[in-house]
Amino acid sequence: MKTKSMGEPSIRGSSERARMILLNFCAIGVTFTWVVELTYCTPYLLDLGLTKSNTSLIWIAGPLSGLLVQPIVGVIADENTSRWGRRRPIMVIGALIVACCLLVLGFTKELVGLVVPNEKLAKGPTMALAVLSIYTLDFAINAVMSCSRSLLVDVLPLEKQQAGAAWASRMSAVGHIVGYSSAAMNLPRLLGTTLGTTQFQQLTVIAVAALLVTTGVTCWAVNESVLVSGKGTKSRSAYGVLRQIYLTMRHLPPRIQAICWATFWSWIGWFPFMFYSTTWVGETYFRYDIPADAKQSEDALGEVGRIGSTALVFYSIITFLGAFLLPIFVKSPDEGRYTTRPPQAVAGLLRTFQEMKPDLLSMWIIGHLMFAGSMVFAPLATSFRFATVLVCLCGIPWTIAGWAPSALLGMEVNKMSSPGYKRLSNDVDVELSDLNGSSNLLGNDDADSSSGGELSGIYFGILNIYTTVPQFLGSLIAAVVFAALEPGKSQELAGEQGVPKTEGLNAISVCLFIGAVCAFVASFATRKLKHL
């Protein structure tokens, strides 16, 4: 049964730039939330009394929630018949849940103390509530991310998908740089105790405000078409949802399948970088650069974190600049439609510049090779400055990695409503019906701009499976490497009388090297798209 939609999607704003910013504004709050969680939750959990091994198990919540939540939420949202649209109601509900979890996480001790005044008796319930908050937060934030990505595909025409994904990357870069800058400040000294007595408490309150405001702005600015009949009007069992996800994964169109596999290999490479790069830079400092009179430092772990965080700030700045500048040097799908004629004096130069631009697919391959070319030198780093340079060189590849897969998948999903699109199956349980209607929000009157966004939820959910499964594999690879090279405590922190050992390979650098190899594989997997 064909699905019917009522109304045309639209975005507020007087210019295309304003509309793109409003459409992707929620990415700032989502990224800010991730920064707070990844930067502070590990030391916070250790401070509550959890062991490092238990903490590492807790962080499985991120990939686990991405593996389960995004595909399921994608299917549910695809068939949501709310009068407010399919994506925005779930985004709002998810943001509210995240806000509650952040506040509970920041004030766990105080909340448990209201019920269990005895500090010793409160230790267990405090840890349990903190862990529950993290798991719930991860599940809810993944729902917000999933729907925000699908919203972009729903409302933008085919030729604007690449630009929309670029603006999403830019807004995410803004969230990164604001988040890390806020974390580097002494907030209690700047803000007093109004928002909390500790740095972590104040950051959670700020993250709540950032997420609710940015999500609210996007939901206010976007009007979705409303699903009014068809397959989506039927309630579906959990088995039916999972079956559709499974069947769709088995019968992915060739180009979407290639995008997913390229992402899979890419994320095996990115996993050790994202989770261990800060520690790696700090440990490199302790191995080779620490002054002789500082060998007896009582806060060695804090010193590792500070040195590593400095590298991450520089990396974030490069990512931020790359997100705004890089799209200028990449060929856009709608450049052939641009009719403004430049002055004759510069027309030839501009024409040459346009012809030299790589397309997004080529740029994604370049990004894989840049990342691999940087991290392949990780085992050779004998200075924290060199390690910092290697980390900073990954800023541009990360910008591309956050932009290219979403843009390419968005364009493929939009193409699926075309009669000649190559599929592996026409089973009604594998793909939803084509969406009737067109996106006209950016002033394009062509019928070919019709959006296939009805499919975006499930396909972006499946893409997320191909980013989360590598995280499990990356965690397993890291565990094997750590067990083989550093079975005990960190060599940098376990030397006699605080003197770090410098012999042997650093285990994290080996993980980064393995990630570089996987990035090379990802470049070949991405190149396959050119021949499909």
Protein backbone atom coordinates (compact mmCIF):
# COMPACT_ATOMS: atom_id res chain seq x y z
CA MET A 1 0.00 0.00 0.00
CA LYS A 2 1.45 3.36 -1.01
CA THR A 3 2.29 5.78 1.76
CA LYS A 4 0.78 9.24 1.50
CA SER A 5 2.08 12.39 3.10
CA MET A 6 0.31 15.66 3.74
CA GLY A 7 2.00 19.03 3.36
CA GLU A 8 5.37 20.14 2.05
CA PRO A 9 8.49 20.17 4.25
CA SER A 10 9.95 23.62 4.83
CA ILE A 11 12.54 25.47 6.91
CA ARG A 12 12.32 28.97 8.31
CA GLY A 13 14.98 31.44 7.28
CA SER A 14 15.54 34.15 4.70
CA SER A 15 18.57 32.57 3.02
CA GLU A 16 19.90 29.10 2.27
CA ARG A 17 22.70 29.54 4.81
CA ALA A 18 20.24 30.49 7.54
CA ARG A 19 18.04 27.50 6.70
CA MET A 20 20.99 25.11 6.78
CA ILE A 21 22.14 26.45 10.16
CA LEU A 22 18.66 26.14 11.66
CA LEU A 23 18.17 22.65 10.25
CA ASN A 24 21.44 21.41 11.80
CA PHE A 25 21.49 23.59 14.92
CA CYS A 26 20.68 20.65 17.20
CA ALA A 27 24.08 19.10 16.32
CA ILE A 28 25.74 21.69 18.58
CA GLY A 29 23.88 20.49 21.66
CA VAL A 30 24.27 16.80 20.80
CA THR A 31 28.03 17.17 20.33
CA PHE A 32 28.38 19.27 23.50
CA THR A 33 26.66 16.47 25.42
CA TRP A 34 29.04 13.85 23.99
CA VAL A 35 32.05 16.02 24.90
CA VAL A 36 30.91 16.30 28.53
CA GLU A 37 30.29 12.56 28.76
CA LEU A 38 33.52 11.41 27.12
CA THR A 39 35.71 13.96 28.93
CA TYR A 40 34.43 13.71 32.48
CA CYS A 41 32.41 10.55 33.03
CA THR A 42 35.37 8.15 33.28
CA PRO A 43 37.13 10.07 36.12
CA TYR A 44 33.73 10.68 37.68
CA LEU A 45 32.95 6.95 37.78
CA LEU A 46 36.43 6.21 39.14
CA ASP A 47 35.85 8.83 41.83
CA LEU A 48 32.63 7.03 42.79
CA GLY A 49 34.66 3.89 43.43
CA LEU A 50 34.33 1.85 40.21
CA THR A 51 37.36 -0.03 38.95
CA LYS A 52 38.88 0.70 35.55
CA SER A 53 37.79 -2.71 34.24
CA ASN A 54 34.20 -2.06 35.31
CA THR A 55 34.33 1.41 33.79
CA SER A 56 35.47 -0.01 30.44
CA LEU A 57 32.49 -2.37 30.49
CA ILE A 58 30.14 0.53 31.15
CA TRP A 59 31.41 2.31 28.05
CA ILE A 60 30.00 -0.50 25.95
CA ALA A 61 26.76 1.44 26.46
CA GLY A 62 27.70 3.81 23.63
CA PRO A 63 28.13 1.31 20.80
CA LEU A 64 25.43 -0.95 22.25
CA SER A 65 22.88 1.85 22.21
CA GLY A 66 23.91 2.83 18.70
CA LEU A 67 23.62 -0.78 17.57
CA LEU A 68 20.12 -1.23 18.97
CA VAL A 69 18.49 2.17 19.30
CA GLN A 70 19.21 3.96 16.03
CA PRO A 71 17.86 1.26 13.67
CA ILE A 72 14.78 0.62 15.84
CA VAL A 73 14.07 4.32 16.35
CA GLY A 74 14.63 4.82 12.62
CA VAL A 75 11.92 2.30 11.71
CA ILE A 76 9.52 3.68 14.33
CA ALA A 77 10.08 7.24 13.13
CA ASP A 78 9.68 6.22 9.48
CA GLU A 79 6.15 5.07 10.31
CA ASN A 80 5.24 7.77 12.85
CA THR A 81 1.90 9.45 11.97
CA SER A 82 2.12 12.28 14.51
CA ARG A 83 0.65 15.57 13.31
CA TRP A 84 3.97 17.19 14.30
CA GLY A 85 5.88 15.04 11.83
CA ARG A 86 7.85 11.83 12.08
CA ARG A 87 11.20 12.99 13.48
CA ARG A 88 10.61 16.04 15.68
CA PRO A 89 8.42 14.42 18.38
CA ILE A 90 11.08 11.74 18.97
CA MET A 91 13.83 14.37 19.01
CA VAL A 92 12.01 16.36 21.70
CA ILE A 93 11.26 13.30 23.84
CA GLY A 94 14.84 12.08 23.50
CA ALA A 95 16.27 15.50 24.42
CA LEU A 96 14.10 15.68 27.55
CA ILE A 97 15.26 12.21 28.65
CA VAL A 98 18.89 13.19 28.06
CA ALA A 99 18.40 16.36 30.10
CA CYS A 100 17.01 14.41 33.05
CA CYS A 101 19.86 11.88 32.86
CA LEU A 102 22.51 14.61 32.75
CA LEU A 103 21.11 16.27 35.86
CA VAL A 104 20.86 12.95 37.71
CA LEU A 105 24.41 12.09 36.66
CA GLY A 106 25.83 15.41 37.80
CA PHE A 107 24.07 15.35 41.17
CA THR A 108 24.01 11.59 41.85
CA LYS A 109 25.62 11.82 45.27
CA GLU A 110 23.28 14.57 46.39
CA LEU A 111 20.16 12.79 45.14
CA VAL A 112 21.07 9.48 46.78
CA GLY A 113 22.05 11.35 49.93
CA LEU A 114 18.47 12.62 50.27
CA VAL A 115 17.27 9.01 50.59
CA VAL A 116 20.32 7.32 52.16
CA PRO A 117 22.12 9.79 54.46
CA ASN A 118 24.78 7.26 55.50
CA GLU A 119 27.76 7.77 53.19
CA LYS A 120 28.94 4.13 53.29
CA LEU A 121 25.49 2.71 52.66
CA ALA A 122 24.93 5.23 49.86
CA LYS A 123 28.04 4.15 47.90
CA GLY A 124 26.38 1.20 46.12
CA PRO A 125 23.13 3.00 45.19
CA THR A 126 25.18 6.00 43.99
CA MET A 127 27.23 3.90 41.60
CA ALA A 128 24.14 2.04 40.38
CA LEU A 129 22.23 5.28 39.72
CA ALA A 130 25.22 6.79 37.87
CA VAL A 131 25.60 3.74 35.64
CA LEU A 132 21.85 3.63 34.94
CA SER A 133 21.94 7.32 34.02
CA ILE A 134 24.80 6.80 31.57
CA TYR A 135 23.07 3.89 29.84
CA THR A 136 19.77 5.75 29.57
CA LEU A 137 21.56 8.91 28.39
CA ASP A 138 23.39 7.01 25.65
CA PHE A 139 20.21 5.36 24.42
CA ALA A 140 18.30 8.67 24.36
CA ILE A 141 21.05 10.74 22.73
CA ASN A 142 21.32 8.14 19.96
CA ALA A 143 17.60 8.55 19.32
CA VAL A 144 18.05 12.32 18.96
CA MET A 145 21.03 11.83 16.62
CA SER A 146 19.21 9.28 14.48
CA CYS A 147 16.16 11.47 13.96
CA SER A 148 18.15 14.64 13.35
CA ARG A 149 20.10 12.94 10.54
CA SER A 150 16.91 11.55 9.02
CA LEU A 151 15.26 14.97 9.29
CA LEU A 152 17.97 16.41 7.07
CA VAL A 153 17.36 13.75 4.42
CA ASP A 154 13.58 14.18 4.67
CA VAL A 155 13.46 17.88 3.95
CA LEU A 156 16.38 18.53 1.59
CA PRO A 157 16.26 17.78 -2.14
CA LEU A 158 18.86 15.48 -3.67
CA GLU A 159 21.23 18.17 -4.88
CA LYS A 160 21.34 19.78 -1.40
CA GLN A 161 22.15 16.61 0.58
CA GLN A 162 25.92 17.14 0.38
CA ALA A 163 25.62 20.76 1.50
CA GLY A 164 23.26 19.76 4.32
CA ALA A 165 25.67 17.12 5.61
CA ALA A 166 28.51 19.65 5.42
CA TRP A 167 26.53 22.07 7.59
CA ALA A 168 25.81 19.26 10.05
CA SER A 169 29.55 18.67 10.29
CA ARG A 170 30.11 22.39 10.83
CA MET A 171 27.57 22.60 13.64
CA SER A 172 29.11 19.51 15.23
CA ALA A 173 32.53 21.18 15.02
CA VAL A 174 31.09 24.21 16.81
CA GLY A 175 29.82 21.88 19.54
CA HIS A 176 33.26 20.28 19.86
CA ILE A 177 35.21 23.48 20.19
CA VAL A 178 32.69 25.08 22.59
CA GLY A 179 32.52 21.89 24.65
CA TYR A 180 36.28 21.42 25.02
CA SER A 181 36.80 25.13 25.66
CA SER A 182 34.17 25.05 28.41
CA ALA A 183 35.75 21.95 29.92
CA ALA A 184 39.14 23.68 29.99
CA MET A 185 37.80 26.64 31.98
CA ASN A 186 37.57 26.78 35.76
CA LEU A 187 33.77 27.09 35.82
CA PRO A 188 33.29 27.23 39.62
CA ARG A 189 35.67 30.18 39.76
CA LEU A 190 33.89 31.92 36.86
CA LEU A 191 30.27 31.12 37.76
CA GLY A 192 30.38 30.60 41.50
CA THR A 193 28.22 27.84 42.96
CA THR A 194 24.90 28.80 41.38
CA LEU A 195 24.91 25.90 38.90
CA GLY A 196 26.68 23.43 41.18
CA THR A 197 29.74 23.12 43.36
CA THR A 198 31.94 21.10 40.98
CA GLN A 199 33.16 21.47 37.40
CA PHE A 200 31.26 18.35 36.32
CA GLN A 201 27.98 19.51 37.85
CA GLN A 202 28.18 22.87 36.13
CA LEU A 203 29.03 21.28 32.80
CA THR A 204 26.02 18.96 33.03
CA VAL A 205 23.71 21.93 33.69
CA ILE A 206 25.19 23.85 30.74
CA ALA A 207 24.87 20.74 28.54
CA VAL A 208 21.19 20.42 29.48
CA ALA A 209 20.54 24.02 28.46
CA ALA A 210 22.56 23.62 25.24
CA LEU A 211 20.76 20.44 24.17
CA LEU A 212 17.25 21.67 24.94
CA VAL A 213 17.78 25.06 23.30
CA THR A 214 19.47 23.76 20.13
CA THR A 215 16.99 20.91 19.68
CA GLY A 216 14.12 23.32 20.29
CA VAL A 217 15.46 25.73 17.66
CA THR A 218 15.70 22.99 15.01
CA CYS A 219 12.23 21.65 15.80
CA TRP A 220 10.79 25.17 15.67
CA ALA A 221 12.50 26.00 12.38
CA VAL A 222 11.51 22.83 10.47
CA ASN A 223 8.06 21.84 9.29
CA GLU A 224 7.76 18.21 8.24
CA SER A 225 5.29 16.58 5.94
CA VAL A 226 2.87 14.39 7.92
CA LEU A 227 2.43 10.68 7.25
CA VAL A 228 -1.32 10.12 6.99
CA SER A 229 -1.91 6.63 5.63
CA GLY A 230 -0.39 3.41 4.42
CA LYS A 231 1.93 0.97 6.05
CA GLY A 232 2.85 3.42 8.75
CA THR A 233 -0.68 3.51 10.14
CA LYS A 234 -0.36 -0.05 11.44
CA SER A 235 1.17 -0.74 14.80
CA ARG A 236 4.15 -3.04 14.46
CA SER A 237 5.48 -5.62 16.90
CA ALA A 238 9.09 -5.59 18.07
CA TYR A 239 9.61 -8.73 16.00
CA GLY A 240 8.26 -6.97 12.90
CA VAL A 241 10.62 -4.04 13.39
CA LEU A 242 13.66 -6.27 13.92
CA ARG A 243 12.67 -8.44 10.95
CA GLN A 244 12.49 -5.43 8.66
CA ILE A 245 15.93 -4.25 9.84
CA TYR A 246 17.39 -7.71 9.27
CA LEU A 247 15.86 -8.11 5.81
CA THR A 248 16.89 -4.62 4.76
CA MET A 249 20.47 -5.27 5.85
CA ARG A 250 20.53 -8.48 3.80
CA HIS A 251 19.23 -6.72 0.68
CA LEU A 252 20.99 -3.36 0.75
CA PRO A 253 21.31 -1.67 -2.65
CA PRO A 254 24.89 -2.10 -3.92
CA ARG A 255 25.99 1.51 -3.44
CA ILE A 256 24.51 1.76 0.05
CA GLN A 257 26.15 -1.54 0.94
CA ALA A 258 29.50 -0.17 -0.30
CA ILE A 259 29.07 3.00 1.79
CA CYS A 260 28.36 0.86 4.86
CA TRP A 261 31.42 -1.36 4.38
CA ALA A 262 33.69 1.64 3.82
CA THR A 263 32.33 3.11 7.05
CA PHE A 264 32.88 -0.23 8.82
CA TRP A 265 36.61 -0.36 8.04
CA SER A 266 36.99 3.35 8.69
CA TRP A 267 35.54 3.07 12.18
CA ILE A 268 37.83 0.20 13.18
CA GLY A 269 40.55 2.73 12.50
CA TRP A 270 38.88 5.61 14.30
CA PHE A 271 37.97 3.68 17.47
CA PRO A 272 41.42 3.65 19.15
CA PHE A 273 42.02 7.25 18.12
CA MET A 274 38.80 8.53 19.68
CA PHE A 275 39.11 6.61 22.93
CA TYR A 276 42.86 6.59 23.55
CA SER A 277 44.54 9.48 21.71
CA THR A 278 44.44 11.81 24.72
CA THR A 279 46.01 9.19 26.97
CA TRP A 280 48.57 8.30 24.29
CA VAL A 281 49.86 11.89 24.02
CA GLY A 282 50.08 12.14 27.81
CA GLU A 283 51.88 8.82 28.15
CA THR A 284 54.33 9.83 25.41
CA TYR A 285 55.11 12.91 27.47
CA PHE A 286 55.81 10.75 30.51
CA ARG A 287 58.02 8.41 28.51
CA TYR A 288 60.27 10.93 26.81
CA ASP A 289 59.67 14.56 27.78
CA ILE A 290 58.95 14.89 31.48
CA PRO A 291 61.58 17.05 33.24
CA ALA A 292 63.90 15.27 35.66
CA ASP A 293 62.69 17.29 38.64
CA ALA A 294 59.08 16.32 37.90
CA LYS A 295 59.58 12.55 38.11
CA GLN A 296 58.08 12.44 41.59
CA SER A 297 54.78 14.09 40.62
CA GLU A 298 51.95 12.95 42.87
CA ASP A 299 49.33 13.70 40.24
CA ALA A 300 50.78 11.75 37.34
CA LEU A 301 47.35 10.77 36.05
CA GLY A 302 46.21 14.41 36.09
CA GLU A 303 49.35 15.42 34.21
CA VAL A 304 48.65 12.81 31.53
CA GLY A 305 45.14 14.16 31.14
CA ARG A 306 46.26 17.78 30.93
CA ILE A 307 48.93 17.18 28.29
CA GLY A 308 46.61 14.98 26.25
CA SER A 309 43.73 17.47 26.47
CA THR A 310 45.94 20.23 25.10
CA ALA A 311 46.49 18.18 21.96
CA LEU A 312 42.74 17.59 21.71
CA VAL A 313 42.03 21.33 21.86
CA PHE A 314 44.36 21.96 18.88
CA TYR A 315 42.77 19.02 17.06
CA SER A 316 39.29 20.46 17.69
CA ILE A 317 40.30 23.85 16.32
CA ILE A 318 41.56 22.22 13.11
CA THR A 319 38.35 20.19 12.86
CA PHE A 320 36.34 23.37 13.36
CA LEU A 321 38.20 25.26 10.62
CA GLY A 322 38.09 22.27 8.29
CA ALA A 323 34.34 21.90 8.66
CA PHE A 324 33.81 25.46 7.43
CA LEU A 325 36.52 25.64 4.75
CA LEU A 326 36.74 22.14 3.29
CA PRO A 327 33.33 22.14 1.49
CA ILE A 328 34.55 25.09 -0.59
CA PHE A 329 37.16 22.83 -2.19
CA VAL A 330 34.83 19.89 -2.89
CA LYS A 331 32.65 19.65 -5.98
CA SER A 332 28.97 19.95 -5.12
CA PRO A 333 26.23 18.02 -6.98
CA ASP A 334 24.39 21.24 -7.80
CA GLU A 335 27.35 23.15 -9.29
CA GLY A 336 26.15 22.36 -12.81
CA ARG A 337 22.92 24.20 -12.01
CA TYR A 338 24.73 27.40 -11.05
CA THR A 339 24.15 29.97 -13.76
CA THR A 340 25.73 33.18 -12.44
CA ARG A 341 28.46 34.30 -14.82
CA PRO A 342 31.68 35.60 -13.23
CA PRO A 343 33.58 38.61 -14.64
CA GLN A 344 35.42 37.77 -17.85
CA ALA A 345 38.78 38.56 -16.25
CA VAL A 346 38.49 35.75 -13.72
CA ALA A 347 36.17 33.39 -15.59
CA GLY A 348 38.99 31.19 -16.85
CA LEU A 349 40.63 30.97 -13.45
CA LEU A 350 37.36 30.06 -11.74
CA ARG A 351 36.59 27.48 -14.43
CA THR A 352 39.99 25.84 -13.86
CA PHE A 353 39.40 25.86 -10.10
CA GLN A 354 36.00 24.20 -10.52
CA GLU A 355 37.43 21.52 -12.79
CA MET A 356 40.23 20.72 -10.33
CA LYS A 357 37.87 20.20 -7.40
CA PRO A 358 37.57 16.58 -6.27
CA ASP A 359 34.12 15.17 -5.69
CA LEU A 360 33.04 14.08 -2.23
CA LEU A 361 33.82 10.42 -2.85
CA SER A 362 37.41 11.23 -3.84
CA MET A 363 37.74 13.48 -0.81
CA TRP A 364 36.58 10.62 1.45
CA ILE A 365 39.32 8.40 -0.01
CA ILE A 366 41.87 11.18 0.60
CA GLY A 367 40.63 11.43 4.20
CA HIS A 368 41.22 7.70 4.78
CA LEU A 369 44.75 8.01 3.39
CA MET A 370 45.53 11.13 5.46
CA PHE A 371 44.42 9.41 8.65
CA ALA A 372 46.36 6.23 7.80
CA GLY A 373 49.43 8.22 6.80
CA SER A 374 49.40 9.99 10.17
CA MET A 375 48.70 7.10 12.52
CA VAL A 376 51.12 4.71 10.81
CA PHE A 377 53.88 6.77 12.49
CA ALA A 378 52.37 6.46 15.99
CA PRO A 379 54.81 3.73 17.19
CA LEU A 380 57.71 6.01 16.15
CA ALA A 381 56.60 8.97 18.28
CA THR A 382 59.33 9.72 20.84
CA SER A 383 58.10 13.19 21.75
CA PHE A 384 54.73 14.39 22.93
CA ARG A 385 55.06 17.29 20.48
CA PHE A 386 55.38 14.87 17.57
CA ALA A 387 52.45 12.88 18.97
CA THR A 388 50.45 16.12 19.17
CA VAL A 389 51.27 16.90 15.53
CA LEU A 390 50.05 13.43 14.48
CA VAL A 391 46.81 13.93 16.40
CA CYS A 392 46.28 17.36 14.85
CA LEU A 393 46.83 15.95 11.35
CA CYS A 394 43.77 13.78 11.93
CA GLY A 395 41.52 16.84 12.31
CA ILE A 396 40.83 17.15 8.58
CA PRO A 397 40.21 13.40 8.07
CA TRP A 398 37.76 13.45 10.97
CA THR A 399 35.88 16.35 9.39
CA ILE A 400 35.58 14.32 6.19
CA ALA A 401 34.60 11.15 8.09
CA GLY A 402 31.78 13.00 9.81
CA TRP A 403 30.53 14.53 6.57
CA ALA A 404 31.03 12.15 3.64
CA PRO A 405 29.14 8.99 4.73
CA SER A 406 26.01 10.89 5.75
CA ALA A 407 26.01 13.01 2.61
CA LEU A 408 26.59 10.05 0.27
CA LEU A 409 23.95 7.94 2.01
CA GLY A 410 21.48 10.84 1.94
CA MET A 411 21.95 11.20 -1.80
CA GLU A 412 21.49 7.46 -2.33
CA VAL A 413 18.30 7.39 -0.25
CA ASN A 414 16.92 10.29 -2.27
CA LYS A 415 17.74 8.47 -5.51
CA MET A 416 15.82 5.38 -4.43
CA SER A 417 12.54 6.84 -5.58
CA SER A 418 13.93 6.97 -9.14
CA PRO A 419 12.61 4.18 -11.42
CA GLY A 420 16.08 3.12 -12.60
CA TYR A 421 17.65 2.81 -9.14
CA LYS A 422 19.43 -0.54 -8.72
CA ARG A 423 18.08 -2.62 -5.82
CA LEU A 424 18.84 -6.14 -4.63
CA SER A 425 15.23 -6.80 -3.63
CA ASN A 426 11.75 -5.39 -4.20
CA ASP A 427 10.23 -7.24 -1.23
CA VAL A 428 7.72 -4.96 0.49
CA ASP A 429 9.17 -5.97 3.85
CA VAL A 430 12.64 -4.86 2.82
CA GLU A 431 11.96 -1.30 1.71
CA LEU A 432 9.12 1.02 2.51
CA SER A 433 6.98 2.50 -0.24
CA ASP A 434 8.20 5.50 -2.18
CA LEU A 435 7.32 8.88 -0.79
CA ASN A 436 4.88 10.91 -2.86
CA GLY A 437 5.79 14.54 -2.83
CA SER A 438 8.75 16.77 -3.34
CA SER A 439 11.00 19.03 -1.32
CA ASN A 440 10.75 22.63 -2.39
CA LEU A 441 12.13 24.39 0.63
CA LEU A 442 15.25 25.78 -1.02
CA GLY A 443 13.54 27.33 -4.01
CA ASN A 444 14.05 24.46 -6.44
CA ASP A 445 11.06 23.69 -8.63
CA ASP A 446 12.34 20.56 -10.33
CA ALA A 447 10.28 17.43 -9.91
CA ASP A 448 13.49 15.41 -9.77
CA SER A 449 14.22 16.87 -6.36
CA SER A 450 11.67 14.64 -4.70
CA SER A 451 12.86 13.21 -1.46
CA GLY A 452 13.10 9.55 -0.70
CA GLY A 453 13.35 10.55 2.94
CA GLU A 454 10.73 8.03 4.00
CA LEU A 455 13.55 5.48 3.86
CA SER A 456 16.07 7.57 5.76
CA GLY A 457 15.34 6.30 9.27
CA ILE A 458 16.05 2.64 8.66
CA TYR A 459 19.01 3.24 6.34
CA PHE A 460 20.72 5.68 8.69
CA GLY A 461 20.07 3.21 11.49
CA ILE A 462 21.76 0.48 9.47
CA LEU A 463 24.69 2.81 8.70
CA ASN A 464 25.03 3.31 12.44
CA ILE A 465 25.24 -0.47 12.92
CA TYR A 466 28.26 -0.39 10.62
CA THR A 467 29.84 2.27 12.86
CA THR A 468 29.10 0.54 16.19
CA VAL A 469 30.09 -3.06 15.41
CA PRO A 470 33.65 -1.87 14.62
CA GLN A 471 33.75 -0.29 18.08
CA PHE A 472 33.19 -3.70 19.64
CA LEU A 473 35.91 -5.14 17.41
CA GLY A 474 38.21 -2.23 18.21
CA SER A 475 37.66 -2.79 21.92
CA LEU A 476 38.54 -6.48 21.52
CA ILE A 477 41.69 -5.64 19.51
CA ALA A 478 42.75 -3.11 22.16
CA ALA A 479 42.18 -5.63 24.95
CA VAL A 480 44.42 -8.19 23.21
CA VAL A 481 47.16 -5.60 22.56
CA PHE A 482 47.05 -4.30 26.13
CA ALA A 483 47.17 -7.83 27.54
CA ALA A 484 50.20 -8.65 25.39
CA LEU A 485 52.24 -5.45 25.79
CA GLU A 486 51.08 -3.92 29.08
CA PRO A 487 49.50 -6.67 31.17
CA GLY A 488 49.87 -4.69 34.38
CA LYS A 489 49.67 -0.99 35.07
CA SER A 490 50.71 1.58 32.53
CA GLN A 491 54.49 1.47 32.09
CA GLU A 492 54.53 5.26 32.09
CA LEU A 493 53.01 5.36 35.57
CA ALA A 494 54.31 2.15 37.14
CA GLY A 495 58.05 2.71 37.32
CA GLU A 496 59.92 2.55 40.60
CA GLN A 497 59.57 5.70 42.70
CA GLY A 498 57.46 7.27 40.02
CA VAL A 499 60.13 7.00 37.32
CA PRO A 500 58.37 5.88 34.12
CA LYS A 501 59.74 3.08 32.00
CA THR A 502 60.58 3.91 28.40
CA GLU A 503 61.54 0.55 26.92
CA GLY A 504 59.25 -1.38 24.62
CA LEU A 505 56.35 -0.28 22.46
CA ASN A 506 53.56 1.81 23.85
CA ALA A 507 50.43 -0.38 23.59
CA ILE A 508 48.17 2.49 22.50
CA SER A 509 50.54 3.38 19.66
CA VAL A 510 50.22 -0.20 18.40
CA CYS A 511 46.42 0.10 18.47
CA LEU A 512 46.69 3.35 16.50
CA PHE A 513 48.97 1.62 13.96
CA ILE A 514 46.40 -1.18 13.52
CA GLY A 515 43.79 1.54 13.01
CA ALA A 516 45.96 3.03 10.26
CA VAL A 517 46.03 -0.33 8.46
CA CYS A 518 42.23 -0.52 8.66
CA ALA A 519 42.01 3.01 7.24
CA PHE A 520 44.03 1.85 4.21
CA VAL A 521 41.52 -0.96 3.75
CA ALA A 522 38.71 1.62 4.04
CA SER A 523 40.23 3.62 1.18
CA PHE A 524 39.98 0.59 -1.13
CA ALA A 525 36.43 -0.14 0.08
CA THR A 526 35.46 3.46 -0.67
CA ARG A 527 37.08 3.35 -4.10
CA LYS A 528 34.70 0.51 -4.98
CA LEU A 529 31.88 3.07 -5.03
CA LYS A 530 33.39 4.65 -8.14
CA HIS A 531 32.63 1.47 -10.08
CA LEU A 532 29.03 0.88 -8.92
